[in-house]
């Protein structure tokens, strides 16, 4: 299951992660975000040994959404060693997302 997590420092979380971090920028009112939530749970279950999935509510953390130029929801950003290496806007199926991630992690 994707993790809903409060944190002191987003940068510290992505910098110190031993695995790549896939961040789901979402909003509770966003229908496609709700669809993506179920897909991310599936992806997380299959790839948890290689990847960490974190959900960030853009309404709770608007500064992060702005910093990473999140203008469409859902937006997924893959971080490796604290740096964004891929960005996905919109909904993908679990197989599509896993194929894309496998090429980057």
PDB file of N, CA and C in Angstrom:
ATOM      1  N   UNK A   1       0.839  -1.184   0.000  1.00  0.00           N
ATOM      2  CA  UNK A   1       0.000   0.000   0.000  1.00  0.00           C
ATOM      3  C   UNK A   1       0.876   1.237   0.000  1.00  0.00           C
ATOM      4  N   UNK A   2       0.474   2.258  -0.737  1.00  0.00           N
ATOM      5  CA  UNK A   2       1.197   3.524  -0.749  1.00  0.00           C
ATOM      6  C   UNK A   2       1.107   4.141   0.645  1.00  0.00           C
ATOM      7  N   UNK A   3       2.127   4.867   1.005  1.00  0.00           N
ATOM      8  CA  UNK A   3       2.221   5.399   2.359  1.00  0.00           C
ATOM      9  C   UNK A   3       1.778   6.857   2.391  1.00  0.00           C
ATOM     10  N   UNK A   4       0.836   7.172   3.270  1.00  0.00           N
ATOM     11  CA  UNK A   4       0.505   8.559   3.549  1.00  0.00           C
ATOM     12  C   UNK A   4       1.328   8.929   4.768  1.00  0.00           C
ATOM     13  N   UNK A   5       2.193   9.916   4.622  1.00  0.00           N
ATOM     14  CA  UNK A   5       3.165  10.163   5.668  1.00  0.00           C
ATOM     15  C   UNK A   5       3.341  11.653   5.903  1.00  0.00           C
ATOM     16  N   UNK A   6       3.382  12.024   7.169  1.00  0.00           N
ATOM     17  CA  UNK A   6       3.757  13.385   7.532  1.00  0.00           C
ATOM     18  C   UNK A   6       5.271  13.378   7.705  1.00  0.00           C
ATOM     19  N   UNK A   7       5.920  14.472   7.350  1.00  0.00           N
ATOM     20  CA  UNK A   7       7.367  14.502   7.454  1.00  0.00           C
ATOM     21  C   UNK A   7       7.841  15.898   7.820  1.00  0.00           C
ATOM     22  N   UNK A   8       9.044  15.956   8.388  1.00  0.00           N
ATOM     23  CA  UNK A   8       9.630  17.232   8.745  1.00  0.00           C
ATOM     24  C   UNK A   8      10.294  17.874   7.546  1.00  0.00           C
ATOM     25  N   UNK A   9      10.985  17.073   6.747  1.00  0.00           N
ATOM     26  CA  UNK A   9      11.704  17.590   5.594  1.00  0.00           C
ATOM     27  C   UNK A   9      11.540  16.641   4.412  1.00  0.00           C
ATOM     28  N   UNK A  10      10.878  17.104   3.392  1.00  0.00           N
ATOM     29  CA  UNK A  10      10.703  16.308   2.181  1.00  0.00           C
ATOM     30  C   UNK A  10      12.064  16.001   1.565  1.00  0.00           C
ATOM     31  N   UNK A  11      12.916  17.019   1.496  1.00  0.00           N
ATOM     32  CA  UNK A  11      14.234  16.838   0.891  1.00  0.00           C
ATOM     33  C   UNK A  11      15.039  15.777   1.640  1.00  0.00           C
ATOM     34  N   UNK A  12      14.969  15.804   2.956  1.00  0.00           N
ATOM     35  CA  UNK A  12      15.671  14.802   3.761  1.00  0.00           C
ATOM     36  C   UNK A  12      15.133  13.399   3.467  1.00  0.00           C
ATOM     37  N   UNK A  13      13.815  13.283   3.327  1.00  0.00           N
ATOM     38  CA  UNK A  13      13.210  11.988   3.052  1.00  0.00           C
ATOM     39  C   UNK A  13      13.713  11.417   1.724  1.00  0.00           C
ATOM     40  N   UNK A  14      13.736  12.242   0.664  1.00  0.00           N
ATOM     41  CA  UNK A  14      14.162  11.716  -0.638  1.00  0.00           C
ATOM     42  C   UNK A  14      15.677  11.564  -0.721  1.00  0.00           C
ATOM     43  N   UNK A  15      16.421  12.423  -0.010  1.00  0.00           N
ATOM     44  CA  UNK A  15      17.886  12.308  -0.007  1.00  0.00           C
ATOM     45  C   UNK A  15      18.351  11.052   0.707  1.00  0.00           C
ATOM     46  N   UNK A  16      17.694  10.689   1.795  1.00  0.00           N
ATOM     47  CA  UNK A  16      18.164   9.594   2.636  1.00  0.00           C
ATOM     48  C   UNK A  16      17.558   8.241   2.277  1.00  0.00           C
ATOM     49  N   UNK A  17      16.673   8.198   1.310  1.00  0.00           N
ATOM     50  CA  UNK A  17      16.063   6.932   0.931  1.00  0.00           C
ATOM     51  C   UNK A  17      17.078   6.048   0.218  1.00  0.00           C
ATOM     52  N   UNK A  18      17.160   4.794   0.641  1.00  0.00           N
ATOM     53  CA  UNK A  18      18.069   3.848  -0.006  1.00  0.00           C
ATOM     54  C   UNK A  18      17.544   3.410  -1.373  1.00  0.00           C
ATOM     55  N   UNK A  19      16.241   3.526  -1.575  1.00  0.00           N
ATOM     56  CA  UNK A  19      15.611   3.140  -2.838  1.00  0.00           C
ATOM     57  C   UNK A  19      15.106   4.396  -3.539  1.00  0.00           C
ATOM     58  N   UNK A  20      14.904   4.329  -4.865  1.00  0.00           N
ATOM     59  CA  UNK A  20      14.234   5.435  -5.537  1.00  0.00           C
ATOM     60  C   UNK A  20      12.864   5.671  -4.902  1.00  0.00           C
ATOM     61  N   UNK A  21      12.412   6.916  -4.920  1.00  0.00           N
ATOM     62  CA  UNK A  21      11.133   7.290  -4.317  1.00  0.00           C
ATOM     63  C   UNK A  21      10.211   7.783  -5.422  1.00  0.00           C
ATOM     64  N   UNK A  22       9.049   7.148  -5.544  1.00  0.00           N
ATOM     65  CA  UNK A  22       8.023   7.596  -6.478  1.00  0.00           C
ATOM     66  C   UNK A  22       7.015   8.398  -5.667  1.00  0.00           C
ATOM     67  N   UNK A  23       6.919   9.691  -5.974  1.00  0.00           N
ATOM     68  CA  UNK A  23       6.019  10.578  -5.236  1.00  0.00           C
ATOM     69  C   UNK A  23       4.776  10.824  -6.074  1.00  0.00           C
ATOM     70  N   UNK A  24       3.633  10.524  -5.476  1.00  0.00           N
ATOM     71  CA  UNK A  24       2.332  10.766  -6.090  1.00  0.00           C
ATOM     72  C   UNK A  24       1.798  12.079  -5.534  1.00  0.00           C
ATOM     73  N   UNK A  25       1.842  13.138  -6.342  1.00  0.00           N
ATOM     74  CA  UNK A  25       1.250  14.411  -5.962  1.00  0.00           C
ATOM     75  C   UNK A  25      -0.228  14.336  -6.342  1.00  0.00           C
ATOM     76  N   UNK A  26      -1.103  14.464  -5.350  1.00  0.00           N
ATOM     77  CA  UNK A  26      -2.530  14.255  -5.564  1.00  0.00           C
ATOM     78  C   UNK A  26      -3.347  15.266  -4.762  1.00  0.00           C
ATOM     79  N   UNK A  27      -4.656  15.250  -4.979  1.00  0.00           N
ATOM     80  CA  UNK A  27      -5.612  15.999  -4.160  1.00  0.00           C
ATOM     81  C   UNK A  27      -6.798  15.075  -3.894  1.00  0.00           C
ATOM     82  N   UNK A  28      -7.404  15.230  -2.729  1.00  0.00           N
ATOM     83  CA  UNK A  28      -8.501  14.337  -2.348  1.00  0.00           C
ATOM     84  C   UNK A  28      -9.709  14.488  -3.260  1.00  0.00           C
ATOM     85  N   UNK A  29      -9.902  15.659  -3.847  1.00  0.00           N
ATOM     86  CA  UNK A  29     -11.070  15.917  -4.702  1.00  0.00           C
ATOM     87  C   UNK A  29     -10.863  15.455  -6.150  1.00  0.00           C
ATOM     88  N   UNK A  30      -9.678  14.975  -6.475  1.00  0.00           N
ATOM     89  CA  UNK A  30      -9.310  14.643  -7.858  1.00  0.00           C
ATOM     90  C   UNK A  30      -9.696  13.202  -8.195  1.00  0.00           C
ATOM     91  N   UNK A  31     -10.663  13.026  -9.093  1.00  0.00           N
ATOM     92  CA  UNK A  31     -11.112  11.693  -9.499  1.00  0.00           C
ATOM     93  C   UNK A  31     -10.006  10.821 -10.071  1.00  0.00           C
ATOM     94  N   UNK A  32      -9.236  11.330 -11.064  1.00  0.00           N
ATOM     95  CA  UNK A  32      -8.136  10.516 -11.594  1.00  0.00           C
ATOM     96  C   UNK A  32      -7.102  10.150 -10.528  1.00  0.00           C
ATOM     97  N   UNK A  33      -6.930  11.017  -9.535  1.00  0.00           N
ATOM     98  CA  UNK A  33      -5.995  10.703  -8.433  1.00  0.00           C
ATOM     99  C   UNK A  33      -6.486   9.493  -7.646  1.00  0.00           C
ATOM    100  N   UNK A  34      -7.790   9.394  -7.458  1.00  0.00           N
ATOM    101  CA  UNK A  34      -8.357   8.246  -6.745  1.00  0.00           C
ATOM    102  C   UNK A  34      -8.109   6.961  -7.533  1.00  0.00           C
ATOM    103  N   UNK A  35      -8.267   7.031  -8.857  1.00  0.00           N
ATOM    104  CA  UNK A  35      -7.980   5.874  -9.716  1.00  0.00           C
ATOM    105  C   UNK A  35      -6.509   5.490  -9.610  1.00  0.00           C
ATOM    106  N   UNK A  36      -5.635   6.488  -9.626  1.00  0.00           N
ATOM    107  CA  UNK A  36      -4.196   6.242  -9.578  1.00  0.00           C
ATOM    108  C   UNK A  36      -3.797   5.647  -8.233  1.00  0.00           C
ATOM    109  N   UNK A  37      -4.520   5.991  -7.175  1.00  0.00           N
ATOM    110  CA  UNK A  37      -4.221   5.448  -5.852  1.00  0.00           C
ATOM    111  C   UNK A  37      -4.276   3.930  -5.832  1.00  0.00           C
ATOM    112  N   UNK A  38      -5.296   3.360  -6.438  1.00  0.00           N
ATOM    113  CA  UNK A  38      -5.427   1.900  -6.498  1.00  0.00           C
ATOM    114  C   UNK A  38      -4.308   1.280  -7.352  1.00  0.00           C
ATOM    115  N   UNK A  39      -3.971   1.944  -8.437  1.00  0.00           N
ATOM    116  CA  UNK A  39      -2.899   1.467  -9.312  1.00  0.00           C
ATOM    117  C   UNK A  39      -1.564   1.493  -8.564  1.00  0.00           C
ATOM    118  N   UNK A  40      -1.328   2.564  -7.812  1.00  0.00           N
ATOM    119  CA  UNK A  40      -0.079   2.676  -7.052  1.00  0.00           C
ATOM    120  C   UNK A  40       0.027   1.617  -5.959  1.00  0.00           C
ATOM    121  N   UNK A  41      -1.097   1.252  -5.366  1.00  0.00           N
ATOM    122  CA  UNK A  41      -1.072   0.177  -4.379  1.00  0.00           C
ATOM    123  C   UNK A  41      -0.594  -1.121  -5.028  1.00  0.00           C
ATOM    124  N   UNK A  42      -1.074  -1.395  -6.231  1.00  0.00           N
ATOM    125  CA  UNK A  42      -0.667  -2.587  -6.971  1.00  0.00           C
ATOM    126  C   UNK A  42       0.819  -2.520  -7.316  1.00  0.00           C
ATOM    127  N   UNK A  43       1.252  -1.380  -7.849  1.00  0.00           N
ATOM    128  CA  UNK A  43       2.660  -1.198  -8.230  1.00  0.00           C
ATOM    129  C   UNK A  43       3.558  -1.326  -6.994  1.00  0.00           C
ATOM    130  N   UNK A  44       3.146  -0.717  -5.897  1.00  0.00           N
ATOM    131  CA  UNK A  44       3.932  -0.782  -4.670  1.00  0.00           C
ATOM    132  C   UNK A  44       4.077  -2.232  -4.188  1.00  0.00           C
ATOM    133  N   UNK A  45       2.988  -2.987  -4.247  1.00  0.00           N
ATOM    134  CA  UNK A  45       3.031  -4.383  -3.813  1.00  0.00           C
ATOM    135  C   UNK A  45       4.013  -5.197  -4.669  1.00  0.00           C
ATOM    136  N   UNK A  46       4.086  -4.888  -5.937  1.00  0.00           N
ATOM    137  CA  UNK A  46       4.947  -5.650  -6.842  1.00  0.00           C
ATOM    138  C   UNK A  46       6.396  -5.169  -6.862  1.00  0.00           C
ATOM    139  N   UNK A  47       6.615  -3.881  -6.541  1.00  0.00           N
ATOM    140  CA  UNK A  47       7.957  -3.309  -6.690  1.00  0.00           C
ATOM    141  C   UNK A  47       8.552  -2.805  -5.378  1.00  0.00           C
ATOM    142  N   UNK A  48       7.968  -3.182  -4.246  1.00  0.00           N
ATOM    143  CA  UNK A  48       8.407  -2.592  -2.977  1.00  0.00           C
ATOM    144  C   UNK A  48       9.853  -2.908  -2.619  1.00  0.00           C
ATOM    145  N   UNK A  49      10.419  -3.953  -3.184  1.00  0.00           N
ATOM    146  CA  UNK A  49      11.829  -4.240  -2.896  1.00  0.00           C
ATOM    147  C   UNK A  49      12.766  -3.301  -3.665  1.00  0.00           C
ATOM    148  N   UNK A  50      12.255  -2.632  -4.698  1.00  0.00           N
ATOM    149  CA  UNK A  50      13.085  -1.771  -5.547  1.00  0.00           C
ATOM    150  C   UNK A  50      12.729  -0.299  -5.456  1.00  0.00           C
ATOM    151  N   UNK A  51      11.579   0.013  -4.840  1.00  0.00           N
ATOM    152  CA  UNK A  51      11.014   1.353  -4.960  1.00  0.00           C
ATOM    153  C   UNK A  51      10.206   1.692  -3.716  1.00  0.00           C
ATOM    154  N   UNK A  52      10.200   2.953  -3.350  1.00  0.00           N
ATOM    155  CA  UNK A  52       9.350   3.438  -2.262  1.00  0.00           C
ATOM    156  C   UNK A  52       8.303   4.361  -2.864  1.00  0.00           C
ATOM    157  N   UNK A  53       7.036   4.160  -2.522  1.00  0.00           N
ATOM    158  CA  UNK A  53       5.949   4.994  -3.025  1.00  0.00           C
ATOM    159  C   UNK A  53       5.446   5.872  -1.888  1.00  0.00           C
ATOM    160  N   UNK A  54       5.365   7.181  -2.154  1.00  0.00           N
ATOM    161  CA  UNK A  54       4.914   8.149  -1.160  1.00  0.00           C
ATOM    162  C   UNK A  54       3.854   9.037  -1.803  1.00  0.00           C
ATOM    163  N   UNK A  55       2.778   9.288  -1.068  1.00  0.00           N
ATOM    164  CA  UNK A  55       1.713  10.157  -1.556  1.00  0.00           C
ATOM    165  C   UNK A  55       1.820  11.519  -0.863  1.00  0.00           C
ATOM    166  N   UNK A  56       1.746  12.588  -1.653  1.00  0.00           N
ATOM    167  CA  UNK A  56       1.801  13.949  -1.123  1.00  0.00           C
ATOM    168  C   UNK A  56       0.537  14.691  -1.541  1.00  0.00           C
ATOM    169  N   UNK A  57      -0.240  15.109  -0.549  1.00  0.00           N
ATOM    170  CA  UNK A  57      -1.452  15.876  -0.811  1.00  0.00           C
ATOM    171  C   UNK A  57      -1.039  17.312  -1.152  1.00  0.00           C
ATOM    172  N   UNK A  58      -1.318  17.730  -2.381  1.00  0.00           N
ATOM    173  CA  UNK A  58      -0.881  19.060  -2.836  1.00  0.00           C
ATOM    174  C   UNK A  58      -1.578  20.190  -2.092  1.00  0.00           C
ATOM    175  N   UNK A  59      -2.740  19.916  -1.522  1.00  0.00           N
ATOM    176  CA  UNK A  59      -3.417  20.960  -0.753  1.00  0.00           C
ATOM    177  C   UNK A  59      -2.763  21.142   0.618  1.00  0.00           C
ATOM    178  N   UNK A  60      -2.212  20.080   1.169  1.00  0.00           N
ATOM    179  CA  UNK A  60      -1.521  20.159   2.455  1.00  0.00           C
ATOM    180  C   UNK A  60      -0.094  20.699   2.282  1.00  0.00           C
ATOM    181  N   UNK A  61       0.502  20.466   1.117  1.00  0.00           N
ATOM    182  CA  UNK A  61       1.882  20.890   0.851  1.00  0.00           C
ATOM    183  C   UNK A  61       1.972  21.658  -0.470  1.00  0.00           C
ATOM    184  N   UNK A  62       1.318  22.827  -0.559  1.00  0.00           N
ATOM    185  CA  UNK A  62       1.327  23.576  -1.817  1.00  0.00           C
ATOM    186  C   UNK A  62       2.722  24.052  -2.226  1.00  0.00           C
ATOM    187  N   UNK A  63       3.614  24.293  -1.267  1.00  0.00           N
ATOM    188  CA  UNK A  63       4.967  24.728  -1.607  1.00  0.00           C
ATOM    189  C   UNK A  63       5.735  23.645  -2.354  1.00  0.00           C
ATOM    190  N   UNK A  64       5.533  22.373  -1.950  1.00  0.00           N
ATOM    191  CA  UNK A  64       6.182  21.270  -2.667  1.00  0.00           C
ATOM    192  C   UNK A  64       5.629  21.137  -4.077  1.00  0.00           C
ATOM    193  N   UNK A  65       4.321  21.282  -4.195  1.00  0.00           N
ATOM    194  CA  UNK A  65       3.700  21.202  -5.523  1.00  0.00           C
ATOM    195  C   UNK A  65       4.253  22.300  -6.429  1.00  0.00           C
ATOM    196  N   UNK A  66       4.411  23.469  -5.882  1.00  0.00           N
ATOM    197  CA  UNK A  66       4.955  24.585  -6.651  1.00  0.00           C
ATOM    198  C   UNK A  66       6.424  24.347  -7.010  1.00  0.00           C
ATOM    199  N   UNK A  67       7.205  23.907  -6.031  1.00  0.00           N
ATOM    200  CA  UNK A  67       8.637  23.665  -6.256  1.00  0.00           C
ATOM    201  C   UNK A  67       8.871  22.667  -7.387  1.00  0.00           C
ATOM    202  N   UNK A  68       8.045  21.623  -7.444  1.00  0.00           N
ATOM    203  CA  UNK A  68       8.209  20.594  -8.465  1.00  0.00           C
ATOM    204  C   UNK A  68       7.278  20.789  -9.658  1.00  0.00           C
ATOM    205  N   UNK A  69       6.738  21.999  -9.762  1.00  0.00           N
ATOM    206  CA  UNK A  69       5.925  22.413 -10.918  1.00  0.00           C
ATOM    207  C   UNK A  69       4.797  21.437 -11.222  1.00  0.00           C
ATOM    208  N   UNK A  70       4.043  21.116 -10.180  1.00  0.00           N
ATOM    209  CA  UNK A  70       2.897  20.223 -10.329  1.00  0.00           C
ATOM    210  C   UNK A  70       1.691  21.088 -10.695  1.00  0.00           C
ATOM    211  N   UNK A  71       1.300  21.026 -11.952  1.00  0.00           N
ATOM    212  CA  UNK A  71       0.175  21.829 -12.448  1.00  0.00           C
ATOM    213  C   UNK A  71      -1.004  20.966 -12.855  1.00  0.00           C
ATOM    214  N   UNK A  72      -0.778  19.672 -13.012  1.00  0.00           N
ATOM    215  CA  UNK A  72      -1.845  18.733 -13.374  1.00  0.00           C
ATOM    216  C   UNK A  72      -1.839  17.617 -12.339  1.00  0.00           C
ATOM    217  N   UNK A  73      -3.005  17.069 -12.078  1.00  0.00           N
ATOM    218  CA  UNK A  73      -3.106  15.978 -11.112  1.00  0.00           C
ATOM    219  C   UNK A  73      -3.729  14.758 -11.780  1.00  0.00           C
ATOM    220  N   UNK A  74      -3.285  13.573 -11.450  1.00  0.00           N
ATOM    221  CA  UNK A  74      -2.132  13.289 -10.607  1.00  0.00           C
ATOM    222  C   UNK A  74      -0.826  13.513 -11.365  1.00  0.00           C
ATOM    223  N   UNK A  75       0.213  13.866 -10.632  1.00  0.00           N
ATOM    224  CA  UNK A  75       1.568  13.945 -11.174  1.00  0.00           C
ATOM    225  C   UNK A  75       2.442  13.039 -10.326  1.00  0.00           C
ATOM    226  N   UNK A  76       3.172  12.163 -10.983  1.00  0.00           N
ATOM    227  CA  UNK A  76       4.120  11.273 -10.318  1.00  0.00           C
ATOM    228  C   UNK A  76       5.528  11.752 -10.654  1.00  0.00           C
ATOM    229  N   UNK A  77       6.373  11.874  -9.637  1.00  0.00           N
ATOM    230  CA  UNK A  77       7.765  12.253  -9.856  1.00  0.00           C
ATOM    231  C   UNK A  77       8.633  11.176  -9.216  1.00  0.00           C
ATOM    232  N   UNK A  78       9.546  10.635 -10.004  1.00  0.00           N
ATOM    233  CA  UNK A  78      10.483   9.626  -9.519  1.00  0.00           C
ATOM    234  C   UNK A  78      11.783  10.315  -9.130  1.00  0.00           C
ATOM    235  N   UNK A  79      12.199  10.102  -7.876  1.00  0.00           N
ATOM    236  CA  UNK A  79      13.438  10.680  -7.363  1.00  0.00           C
ATOM    237  C   UNK A  79      14.461   9.569  -7.137  1.00  0.00           C
ATOM    238  N   UNK A  80      15.695   9.844  -7.563  1.00  0.00           N
ATOM    239  CA  UNK A  80      16.827   8.961  -7.253  1.00  0.00           C
ATOM    240  C   UNK A  80      17.905   9.841  -6.635  1.00  0.00           C
ATOM    241  N   UNK A  81      18.396   9.423  -5.481  1.00  0.00           N
ATOM    242  CA  UNK A  81      19.434  10.169  -4.767  1.00  0.00           C
ATOM    243  C   UNK A  81      19.047  11.638  -4.600  1.00  0.00           C
ATOM    244  N   UNK A  82      17.758  11.860  -4.308  1.00  0.00           N
ATOM    245  CA  UNK A  82      17.265  13.203  -4.027  1.00  0.00           C
ATOM    246  C   UNK A  82      16.931  14.056  -5.236  1.00  0.00           C
ATOM    247  N   UNK A  83      17.163  13.534  -6.436  1.00  0.00           N
ATOM    248  CA  UNK A  83      16.932  14.321  -7.650  1.00  0.00           C
ATOM    249  C   UNK A  83      15.807  13.727  -8.486  1.00  0.00           C
ATOM    250  N   UNK A  84      14.946  14.587  -9.074  1.00  0.00           N
ATOM    251  CA  UNK A  84      13.891  14.062  -9.951  1.00  0.00           C
ATOM    252  C   UNK A  84      14.501  13.516 -11.245  1.00  0.00           C
ATOM    253  N   UNK A  85      14.111  12.290 -11.612  1.00  0.00           N
ATOM    254  CA  UNK A  85      14.645  11.663 -12.824  1.00  0.00           C
ATOM    255  C   UNK A  85      13.557  11.319 -13.839  1.00  0.00           C
ATOM    256  N   UNK A  86      12.296  11.366 -13.414  1.00  0.00           N
ATOM    257  CA  UNK A  86      11.196  11.112 -14.343  1.00  0.00           C
ATOM    258  C   UNK A  86       9.942  11.756 -13.792  1.00  0.00           C
ATOM    259  N   UNK A  87       9.030  12.058 -14.694  1.00  0.00           N
ATOM    260  CA  UNK A  87       7.782  12.731 -14.339  1.00  0.00           C
ATOM    261  C   UNK A  87       6.663  12.175 -15.215  1.00  0.00           C
ATOM    262  N   UNK A  88       5.549  11.854 -14.581  1.00  0.00           N
ATOM    263  CA  UNK A  88       4.399  11.302 -15.295  1.00  0.00           C
ATOM    264  C   UNK A  88       3.175  12.094 -14.872  1.00  0.00           C
ATOM    265  N   UNK A  89       2.443  12.616 -15.834  1.00  0.00           N
ATOM    266  CA  UNK A  89       1.199  13.322 -15.534  1.00  0.00           C
ATOM    267  C   UNK A  89       0.042  12.496 -16.061  1.00  0.00           C
ATOM    268  N   UNK A  90      -0.998  12.358 -15.240  1.00  0.00           N
ATOM    269  CA  UNK A  90      -2.166  11.599 -15.650  1.00  0.00           C
ATOM    270  C   UNK A  90      -2.111  10.165 -15.170  1.00  0.00           C
ATOM    271  N   UNK A  91      -3.078   9.392 -15.629  1.00  0.00           N
ATOM    272  CA  UNK A  91      -3.250   8.014 -15.168  1.00  0.00           C
ATOM    273  C   UNK A  91      -2.630   7.038 -16.163  1.00  0.00           C
ATOM    274  N   UNK A  92      -1.852   6.097 -15.633  1.00  0.00           N
ATOM    275  CA  UNK A  92      -1.339   4.970 -16.405  1.00  0.00           C
ATOM    276  C   UNK A  92      -1.863   3.692 -15.769  1.00  0.00           C
ATOM    277  N   UNK A  93      -1.912   2.618 -16.532  1.00  0.00           N
ATOM    278  CA  UNK A  93      -2.248   1.327 -15.942  1.00  0.00           C
ATOM    279  C   UNK A  93      -1.039   0.844 -15.142  1.00  0.00           C
ATOM    280  N   UNK A  94      -1.249  -0.125 -14.259  1.00  0.00           N
ATOM    281  CA  UNK A  94      -0.146  -0.670 -13.469  1.00  0.00           C
ATOM    282  C   UNK A  94       0.959  -1.243 -14.364  1.00  0.00           C
ATOM    283  N   UNK A  95       0.632  -2.046 -15.394  1.00  0.00           N
ATOM    284  CA  UNK A  95       1.706  -2.561 -16.263  1.00  0.00           C
ATOM    285  C   UNK A  95       2.476  -1.437 -16.983  1.00  0.00           C
ATOM    286  N   UNK A  96       1.766  -0.409 -17.449  1.00  0.00           N
ATOM    287  CA  UNK A  96       2.445   0.709 -18.113  1.00  0.00           C
ATOM    288  C   UNK A  96       3.401   1.415 -17.153  1.00  0.00           C
ATOM    289  N   UNK A  97       2.926   1.662 -15.943  1.00  0.00           N
ATOM    290  CA  UNK A  97       3.739   2.362 -14.957  1.00  0.00           C
ATOM    291  C   UNK A  97       4.951   1.522 -14.557  1.00  0.00           C
ATOM    292  N   UNK A  98       4.758   0.232 -14.326  1.00  0.00           N
ATOM    293  CA  UNK A  98       5.875  -0.632 -13.935  1.00  0.00           C
ATOM    294  C   UNK A  98       6.920  -0.720 -15.045  1.00  0.00           C
ATOM    295  N   UNK A  99       6.486  -0.771 -16.282  1.00  0.00           N
ATOM    296  CA  UNK A  99       7.425  -0.815 -17.407  1.00  0.00           C
ATOM    297  C   UNK A  99       8.240   0.472 -17.459  1.00  0.00           C
ATOM    298  N   UNK A 100       7.577   1.597 -17.287  1.00  0.00           N
ATOM    299  CA  UNK A 100       8.282   2.883 -17.314  1.00  0.00           C
ATOM    300  C   UNK A 100       9.259   3.004 -16.150  1.00  0.00           C
ATOM    301  N   UNK A 101       8.821   2.589 -14.962  1.00  0.00           N
ATOM    302  CA  UNK A 101       9.689   2.665 -13.788  1.00  0.00           C
ATOM    303  C   UNK A 101      10.888   1.738 -13.906  1.00  0.00           C
ATOM    304  N   UNK A 102      10.668   0.537 -14.435  1.00  0.00           N
ATOM    305  CA  UNK A 102      11.742  -0.453 -14.559  1.00  0.00           C
ATOM    306  C   UNK A 102      12.895   0.094 -15.387  1.00  0.00           C
ATOM    307  N   UNK A 103      12.589   0.941 -16.360  1.00  0.00           N
ATOM    308  CA  UNK A 103      13.623   1.520 -17.203  1.00  0.00           C
ATOM    309  C   UNK A 103      14.421   2.601 -16.480  1.00  0.00           C
ATOM    310  N   UNK A 104      13.886   3.115 -15.363  1.00  0.00           N
ATOM    311  CA  UNK A 104      14.519   4.240 -14.675  1.00  0.00           C
ATOM    312  C   UNK A 104      15.167   3.890 -13.350  1.00  0.00           C
ATOM    313  N   UNK A 105      14.785   2.748 -12.759  1.00  0.00           N
ATOM    314  CA  UNK A 105      15.331   2.464 -11.423  1.00  0.00           C
ATOM    315  C   UNK A 105      16.442   1.428 -11.437  1.00  0.00           C
TER     316      UNK A 105
END
